[in-house]
């Protein structure tokens, strides 16, 4: 940076500001208790609804259900990044690709229990590794496996610290070129979820992503994905069906990149779902990122992200209601080995055409 401010001081300042927002909150609001939350080590999840006619006693495996479904927005966020390149990765087969994106963040959150009344504020530390290994069957067709984990540690809401979310999936994707600047990707994914002891859930996730390059430094995208949830794999939507609609824009200026996305989620749950209550949500993300040091730490970005979340349609059910605002600061490490098979096939095709012409 030309301003003369050391990068480590800038990162430290972001963390200080996040903490300052939290500790400046009124104590009565930050410590207010949610009347629907109870702790019981014998239950499947650290958050459970009290039994009543309106809210059956069912464990709620995730305070923010939208964290459970990846809409491939992380892929778009890496369109401008400079991934680390290791010799061992470059020696892998040309058809193979590998991506590892690990985020370590701290955040202020205004409503950690997603309740319609008496919101509880907290300061949260998160680790989120996301690893994908894929193989090109054809230049535009590939299969892949993905694993990611979400681990949050809450400062004041310790009952949430026992939950660790993990996802293991496999899928197939097809790229369709729609022009020089537009691409469509068809994707189908099956995955198993681990959220709490004794709780089994699985998803089938068909989806489509449209990407358009307005300029070399401005890329827009739209993603539509259907989450069909059941107890075991390949059962279909026996518990719930959740369509996701995401629109976004990535801009770059110099070393800075700005990502803006908006997602609409409609959760349609039946009585077998966990929880058995339908709801809707809008999640917006606004992220500003830049490399820490391109020469010394390639592939490491520091970023700040604002994430407002609106929930409605759950009739005030705790965990699925109210407004939540998150502000993140953190570091992201990207290690990637792209598949060079599509480019090599294109060059081979050109050579064969050149030989025929002679």
Protein backbone atom coordinates (compact mmCIF):
# COMPACT_ATOMS: atom_id res chain seq x y z
CA UNK A 1 0.00 0.00 0.00
CA UNK A 2 1.25 3.45 -0.89
CA UNK A 3 -0.25 5.05 2.20
CA UNK A 4 2.69 3.79 4.29
CA UNK A 5 0.42 1.88 6.73
CA UNK A 6 1.86 -1.62 7.37
CA UNK A 7 -0.43 -4.40 6.24
CA UNK A 8 -0.35 -6.10 9.63
CA UNK A 9 -1.62 -2.94 11.26
CA UNK A 10 -4.47 -2.72 8.75
CA UNK A 11 -5.54 -6.32 9.46
CA UNK A 12 -5.30 -5.68 13.19
CA UNK A 13 -7.40 -2.54 12.89
CA UNK A 14 -10.16 -4.47 11.12
CA UNK A 15 -10.29 -6.95 13.96
CA UNK A 16 -10.30 -4.16 16.56
CA UNK A 17 -13.21 -2.40 14.85
CA UNK A 18 -15.20 -5.64 14.76
CA UNK A 19 -14.64 -6.19 18.47
CA UNK A 20 -15.42 -2.55 19.22
CA UNK A 21 -18.84 -2.78 17.56
CA UNK A 22 -19.68 -5.81 19.67
CA UNK A 23 -18.49 -4.53 23.04
CA UNK A 24 -20.10 -1.13 22.43
CA UNK A 25 -23.51 -2.82 22.21
CA UNK A 26 -25.87 -2.21 25.12
CA UNK A 27 -25.31 -4.87 27.75
CA UNK A 28 -29.02 -5.48 28.23
CA UNK A 29 -29.45 -6.27 24.55
CA UNK A 30 -26.30 -8.33 24.14
CA UNK A 31 -27.10 -10.52 27.14
CA UNK A 32 -30.86 -10.85 26.65
CA UNK A 33 -32.01 -14.47 26.76
CA UNK A 34 -34.12 -16.17 24.12
CA UNK A 35 -37.14 -17.73 25.87
CA UNK A 36 -37.32 -20.63 23.38
CA UNK A 37 -33.72 -21.84 23.77
CA UNK A 38 -32.84 -24.65 26.14
CA UNK A 39 -29.74 -26.77 26.66
CA UNK A 40 -29.86 -30.51 27.11
CA UNK A 41 -26.88 -32.78 26.51
CA UNK A 42 -29.18 -35.67 25.65
CA UNK A 43 -30.63 -33.98 22.58
CA UNK A 44 -29.25 -34.14 19.07
CA UNK A 45 -28.38 -30.48 18.85
CA UNK A 46 -27.29 -27.72 21.24
CA UNK A 47 -30.33 -25.65 20.18
CA UNK A 48 -33.78 -27.09 20.81
CA UNK A 49 -37.26 -25.59 20.69
CA UNK A 50 -39.43 -25.96 23.77
CA UNK A 51 -42.38 -28.26 23.19
CA UNK A 52 -45.62 -26.45 22.45
CA UNK A 53 -48.59 -26.63 20.09
CA UNK A 54 -47.00 -24.00 17.84
CA UNK A 55 -43.37 -25.24 18.00
CA UNK A 56 -42.95 -29.03 18.31
CA UNK A 57 -39.93 -30.29 20.24
CA UNK A 58 -37.50 -30.92 17.40
CA UNK A 59 -33.75 -30.17 17.30
CA UNK A 60 -32.70 -27.30 15.09
CA UNK A 61 -29.37 -28.44 13.56
CA UNK A 62 -28.32 -25.03 12.27
CA UNK A 63 -28.95 -21.50 13.42
CA UNK A 64 -28.30 -20.22 9.90
CA UNK A 65 -29.64 -22.88 7.47
CA UNK A 66 -28.20 -20.93 4.53
CA UNK A 67 -24.69 -21.90 5.67
CA UNK A 68 -25.49 -25.48 4.74
CA UNK A 69 -25.77 -25.02 0.99
CA UNK A 70 -22.88 -23.97 -1.20
CA UNK A 71 -24.08 -22.16 -4.33
CA UNK A 72 -20.60 -22.12 -5.94
CA UNK A 73 -20.25 -18.41 -5.21
CA UNK A 74 -16.80 -19.19 -3.85
CA UNK A 75 -15.81 -20.18 -7.38
CA UNK A 76 -16.77 -16.76 -8.69
CA UNK A 77 -14.91 -15.06 -5.86
CA UNK A 78 -11.73 -16.71 -7.09
CA UNK A 79 -12.06 -15.55 -10.71
CA UNK A 80 -9.50 -12.81 -10.13
CA UNK A 81 -7.30 -14.51 -7.56
CA UNK A 82 -3.70 -15.60 -8.03
CA UNK A 83 -3.59 -19.20 -6.72
CA UNK A 84 -0.48 -20.69 -5.21
CA UNK A 85 1.44 -22.95 -7.57
CA UNK A 86 3.55 -25.78 -6.21
CA UNK A 87 5.74 -28.05 -8.29
CA UNK A 88 4.02 -31.13 -6.87
CA UNK A 89 0.62 -29.79 -7.96
CA UNK A 90 1.86 -28.94 -11.45
CA UNK A 91 3.03 -32.56 -11.88
CA UNK A 92 -0.45 -33.95 -11.35
CA UNK A 93 -2.33 -35.32 -14.41
CA UNK A 94 -3.45 -32.67 -16.89
CA UNK A 95 -7.09 -33.74 -16.51
CA UNK A 96 -7.04 -33.31 -12.73
CA UNK A 97 -7.87 -30.07 -10.93
CA UNK A 98 -7.62 -29.20 -7.26
CA UNK A 99 -8.83 -26.23 -5.22
CA UNK A 100 -8.44 -25.55 -1.51
CA UNK A 101 -9.95 -22.37 -0.05
CA UNK A 102 -9.58 -21.86 3.71
CA UNK A 103 -11.10 -18.89 5.52
CA UNK A 104 -10.28 -17.86 9.08
CA UNK A 105 -12.58 -15.07 10.26
CA UNK A 106 -13.86 -13.16 13.23
CA UNK A 107 -17.25 -11.51 13.14
CA UNK A 108 -19.79 -9.48 15.04
CA UNK A 109 -23.30 -10.93 14.79
CA UNK A 110 -26.42 -9.06 15.87
CA UNK A 111 -28.83 -12.01 16.24
CA UNK A 112 -26.99 -15.30 16.67
CA UNK A 113 -30.18 -17.22 17.58
CA UNK A 114 -32.20 -15.77 14.69
CA UNK A 115 -35.11 -14.91 16.95
CA UNK A 116 -37.89 -12.45 16.18
CA UNK A 117 -37.62 -10.91 19.68
CA UNK A 118 -34.81 -10.23 22.14
CA UNK A 119 -31.89 -10.62 19.68
CA UNK A 120 -28.65 -11.81 21.24
CA UNK A 121 -25.41 -10.28 19.98
CA UNK A 122 -22.11 -12.09 20.03
CA UNK A 123 -18.52 -12.18 18.79
CA UNK A 124 -17.72 -15.30 16.76
CA UNK A 125 -14.53 -16.97 15.50
CA UNK A 126 -14.90 -19.20 12.42
CA UNK A 127 -12.73 -21.68 10.53
CA UNK A 128 -14.02 -22.79 7.09
CA UNK A 129 -11.87 -25.12 4.95
CA UNK A 130 -13.31 -26.03 1.52
CA UNK A 131 -11.52 -28.59 -0.68
CA UNK A 132 -12.48 -29.77 -4.18
CA UNK A 133 -10.78 -32.47 -6.25
CA UNK A 134 -11.97 -32.96 -9.83
CA UNK A 135 -11.19 -34.78 -13.06
CA UNK A 136 -12.08 -33.84 -16.64
CA UNK A 137 -13.78 -36.70 -18.49
CA UNK A 138 -14.10 -34.46 -21.55
CA UNK A 139 -12.98 -30.86 -22.18
CA UNK A 140 -16.35 -29.57 -20.94
CA UNK A 141 -17.38 -32.40 -18.60
CA UNK A 142 -15.90 -33.20 -15.20
CA UNK A 143 -16.59 -35.14 -12.03
CA UNK A 144 -15.53 -33.95 -8.60
CA UNK A 145 -15.57 -34.54 -4.85
CA UNK A 146 -15.94 -31.76 -2.29
CA UNK A 147 -15.51 -31.46 1.46
CA UNK A 148 -16.09 -28.44 3.65
CA UNK A 149 -16.44 -27.78 7.36
CA UNK A 150 -17.92 -24.88 9.32
CA UNK A 151 -16.75 -24.49 12.91
CA UNK A 152 -17.93 -21.47 14.90
CA UNK A 153 -16.78 -20.55 18.41
CA UNK A 154 -19.08 -18.10 20.19
CA UNK A 155 -17.89 -15.84 23.00
CA UNK A 156 -21.08 -15.58 25.07
CA UNK A 157 -23.42 -18.18 23.53
CA UNK A 158 -21.46 -21.24 24.58
CA UNK A 159 -24.35 -23.66 23.98
CA UNK A 160 -23.72 -23.25 20.23
CA UNK A 161 -20.04 -24.26 20.44
CA UNK A 162 -20.77 -28.00 20.46
CA UNK A 163 -22.03 -27.96 16.87
CA UNK A 164 -19.65 -28.61 13.94
CA UNK A 165 -21.07 -28.73 10.44
CA UNK A 166 -19.41 -31.01 7.84
CA UNK A 167 -20.31 -31.85 4.25
CA UNK A 168 -18.91 -34.51 1.91
CA UNK A 169 -20.24 -34.65 -1.64
CA UNK A 170 -19.63 -35.85 -5.16
CA UNK A 171 -20.92 -34.42 -8.40
CA UNK A 172 -20.75 -33.95 -12.13
CA UNK A 173 -20.73 -30.69 -14.06
CA UNK A 174 -21.06 -29.71 -17.69
CA UNK A 175 -19.85 -26.42 -19.18
CA UNK A 176 -21.75 -24.96 -22.11
CA UNK A 177 -20.24 -22.05 -24.03
CA UNK A 178 -22.93 -19.50 -24.94
CA UNK A 179 -20.64 -17.00 -26.64
CA UNK A 180 -17.30 -15.28 -26.24
CA UNK A 181 -18.31 -13.71 -22.92
CA UNK A 182 -21.02 -15.99 -21.53
CA UNK A 183 -20.79 -19.47 -20.05
CA UNK A 184 -23.37 -21.82 -18.55
CA UNK A 185 -22.50 -24.58 -16.08
CA UNK A 186 -24.91 -27.44 -15.32
CA UNK A 187 -24.21 -29.17 -12.04
CA UNK A 188 -25.56 -32.11 -10.05
CA UNK A 189 -24.28 -32.95 -6.57
CA UNK A 190 -25.13 -35.57 -3.94
CA UNK A 191 -23.88 -35.04 -0.42
CA UNK A 192 -23.97 -36.38 3.12
CA UNK A 193 -24.19 -33.99 6.09
CA UNK A 194 -22.88 -34.31 9.63
CA UNK A 195 -24.43 -31.77 11.99
CA UNK A 196 -24.95 -33.48 15.35
CA UNK A 197 -24.56 -36.92 16.91
CA UNK A 198 -27.33 -39.25 15.77
CA UNK A 199 -28.67 -36.84 13.17
CA UNK A 200 -28.48 -37.99 9.53
CA UNK A 201 -29.33 -35.77 6.59
CA UNK A 202 -28.48 -35.89 2.89
CA UNK A 203 -29.04 -33.61 -0.10
CA UNK A 204 -29.47 -33.87 -3.85
CA UNK A 205 -28.44 -30.56 -5.47
CA UNK A 206 -29.13 -29.93 -9.17
CA UNK A 207 -28.20 -26.43 -10.28
CA UNK A 208 -27.26 -24.10 -13.10
CA UNK A 209 -24.86 -21.13 -13.13
CA UNK A 210 -24.66 -18.42 -15.81
CA UNK A 211 -21.48 -16.31 -15.93
CA UNK A 212 -20.99 -13.24 -18.13
CA UNK A 213 -17.85 -11.12 -18.49
CA UNK A 214 -18.97 -7.53 -19.04
CA UNK A 215 -15.31 -6.43 -19.13
CA UNK A 216 -12.06 -8.19 -18.15
CA UNK A 217 -12.51 -6.60 -14.70
CA UNK A 218 -16.27 -7.02 -14.23
CA UNK A 219 -18.01 -10.41 -14.15
CA UNK A 220 -21.66 -11.06 -13.34
CA UNK A 221 -23.28 -14.39 -12.50
CA UNK A 222 -26.63 -15.98 -11.69
CA UNK A 223 -27.06 -19.28 -9.89
CA UNK A 224 -30.21 -21.33 -9.35
CA UNK A 225 -29.95 -24.42 -7.19
CA UNK A 226 -32.48 -26.86 -5.75
CA UNK A 227 -31.75 -28.51 -2.41
CA UNK A 228 -33.72 -31.76 -1.92
CA UNK A 229 -33.21 -32.99 1.64
CA UNK A 230 -33.82 -36.47 3.05
CA UNK A 231 -32.46 -38.78 5.74
CA UNK A 232 -30.36 -40.89 3.36
CA UNK A 233 -28.81 -40.30 -0.05
CA UNK A 234 -30.91 -40.53 -3.23
CA UNK A 235 -34.26 -40.51 -1.43
CA UNK A 236 -35.42 -37.22 -2.93
CA UNK A 237 -37.17 -34.44 -0.98
CA UNK A 238 -38.66 -36.63 1.78
CA UNK A 239 -37.95 -33.94 4.39
CA UNK A 240 -37.78 -30.62 2.57
CA UNK A 241 -37.21 -28.90 -0.75
CA UNK A 242 -35.35 -25.58 -0.90
CA UNK A 243 -34.78 -23.52 -4.06
CA UNK A 244 -31.88 -21.02 -3.96
CA UNK A 245 -31.59 -18.05 -6.34
CA UNK A 246 -28.37 -16.03 -6.34
CA UNK A 247 -27.26 -13.04 -8.42
CA UNK A 248 -23.85 -11.43 -8.08
CA UNK A 249 -21.18 -9.14 -9.49
CA UNK A 250 -17.38 -9.25 -9.12
CA UNK A 251 -15.37 -6.08 -9.78
CA UNK A 252 -11.63 -5.56 -9.72
CA UNK A 253 -9.57 -2.39 -9.61
CA UNK A 254 -5.83 -2.76 -9.16
CA UNK A 255 -5.21 -5.27 -6.36
CA UNK A 256 -8.69 -4.73 -4.90
CA UNK A 257 -11.71 -6.90 -5.66
CA UNK A 258 -15.31 -6.26 -4.69
CA UNK A 259 -17.91 -9.04 -4.61
CA UNK A 260 -21.62 -8.33 -4.20
CA UNK A 261 -24.22 -11.12 -4.06
CA UNK A 262 -27.86 -11.52 -3.12
CA UNK A 263 -29.56 -14.88 -2.44
CA UNK A 264 -33.25 -15.70 -2.03
CA UNK A 265 -34.01 -18.98 -0.23
CA UNK A 266 -37.44 -20.60 0.06
CA UNK A 267 -37.52 -23.51 2.55
CA UNK A 268 -40.53 -25.82 2.13
CA UNK A 269 -40.45 -28.36 4.97
CA UNK A 270 -42.85 -31.18 5.88
CA UNK A 271 -43.47 -32.72 9.30
CA UNK A 272 -40.45 -35.03 8.91
CA UNK A 273 -38.05 -32.13 8.38
CA UNK A 274 -35.64 -30.90 11.05
CA UNK A 275 -36.94 -28.39 11.99
CA UNK A 276 -40.50 -29.00 10.62
CA UNK A 277 -41.18 -25.31 9.98
CA UNK A 278 -41.04 -23.59 6.56
CA UNK A 279 -39.46 -20.17 6.17
CA UNK A 280 -37.91 -17.74 3.68
CA UNK A 281 -34.68 -15.76 3.76
CA UNK A 282 -32.75 -13.14 1.81
CA UNK A 283 -28.97 -13.11 2.32
CA UNK A 284 -26.77 -10.34 0.92
CA UNK A 285 -22.97 -10.33 0.87
CA UNK A 286 -20.68 -7.37 0.21
CA UNK A 287 -16.99 -8.23 0.32
CA UNK A 288 -13.88 -6.13 -0.25
CA UNK A 289 -10.61 -8.07 -0.57
CA UNK A 290 -6.98 -7.61 -1.53
CA UNK A 291 -3.79 -9.73 -1.38
CA UNK A 292 -1.71 -9.44 1.77
CA UNK A 293 1.49 -9.57 -0.28
CA UNK A 294 1.70 -10.92 -3.82
CA UNK A 295 5.44 -11.59 -3.54
CA UNK A 296 5.79 -12.93 -0.01
CA UNK A 297 2.36 -14.51 0.52
CA UNK A 298 0.83 -15.37 -2.86
CA UNK A 299 -2.69 -16.73 -2.60
CA UNK A 300 -3.40 -15.10 0.78
CA UNK A 301 -6.12 -12.42 0.79
CA UNK A 302 -7.40 -10.26 3.61
CA UNK A 303 -11.02 -9.15 3.43
CA UNK A 304 -13.98 -7.54 5.16
CA UNK A 305 -17.51 -8.73 4.49
CA UNK A 306 -20.93 -7.40 5.48
CA UNK A 307 -23.81 -9.89 5.48
CA UNK A 308 -27.37 -8.78 6.30
CA UNK A 309 -29.94 -11.60 6.56
CA UNK A 310 -33.72 -11.22 6.54
CA UNK A 311 -35.91 -14.15 7.69
CA UNK A 312 -39.68 -14.33 7.40
CA UNK A 313 -42.55 -16.79 7.04
CA UNK A 314 -41.74 -18.94 10.10
CA UNK A 315 -44.36 -17.23 12.32
CA UNK A 316 -41.73 -16.13 14.82
CA UNK A 317 -40.12 -19.57 15.28
CA UNK A 318 -36.71 -19.14 16.97
CA UNK A 319 -33.76 -20.05 14.75
CA UNK A 320 -35.69 -19.12 11.61
CA UNK A 321 -36.94 -15.58 12.26
CA UNK A 322 -35.89 -11.97 12.62
CA UNK A 323 -33.09 -9.88 11.13
CA UNK A 324 -29.41 -10.75 11.55
CA UNK A 325 -26.42 -8.62 10.60
CA UNK A 326 -22.89 -10.02 10.37
CA UNK A 327 -19.67 -8.18 9.70
CA UNK A 328 -16.58 -10.32 9.04
CA UNK A 329 -12.88 -9.64 8.87
CA UNK A 330 -10.38 -12.34 8.09
CA UNK A 331 -7.83 -14.07 5.88
CA UNK A 332 -8.38 -16.47 2.98
CA UNK A 333 -5.75 -18.91 1.65
CA UNK A 334 -6.25 -20.29 -1.86
CA UNK A 335 -4.25 -23.20 -3.29
CA UNK A 336 -5.25 -24.32 -6.77
CA UNK A 337 -4.13 -26.57 -9.58
CA UNK A 338 -6.30 -25.99 -12.68
CA UNK A 339 -7.02 -28.63 -15.30
CA UNK A 340 -5.10 -27.92 -18.50
CA UNK A 341 -6.87 -30.67 -20.43
CA UNK A 342 -9.43 -28.37 -22.17
CA UNK A 343 -6.67 -26.03 -23.39
CA UNK A 344 -4.48 -28.95 -24.53
CA UNK A 345 -7.39 -30.51 -26.44
CA UNK A 346 -8.05 -27.20 -28.17
CA UNK A 347 -4.40 -26.95 -29.22
CA UNK A 348 -4.40 -30.55 -30.44
CA UNK A 349 -7.52 -29.85 -32.49
CA UNK A 350 -5.86 -26.82 -34.08
CA UNK A 351 -2.77 -28.89 -34.94
CA UNK A 352 -4.86 -31.65 -36.53
CA UNK A 353 -6.76 -29.09 -38.62
CA UNK A 354 -3.48 -27.48 -39.68
CA UNK A 355 -2.05 -30.85 -40.76
CA UNK A 356 -5.16 -31.65 -42.81
CA UNK A 357 -5.01 -28.31 -44.59
CA UNK A 358 -1.46 -29.10 -45.74
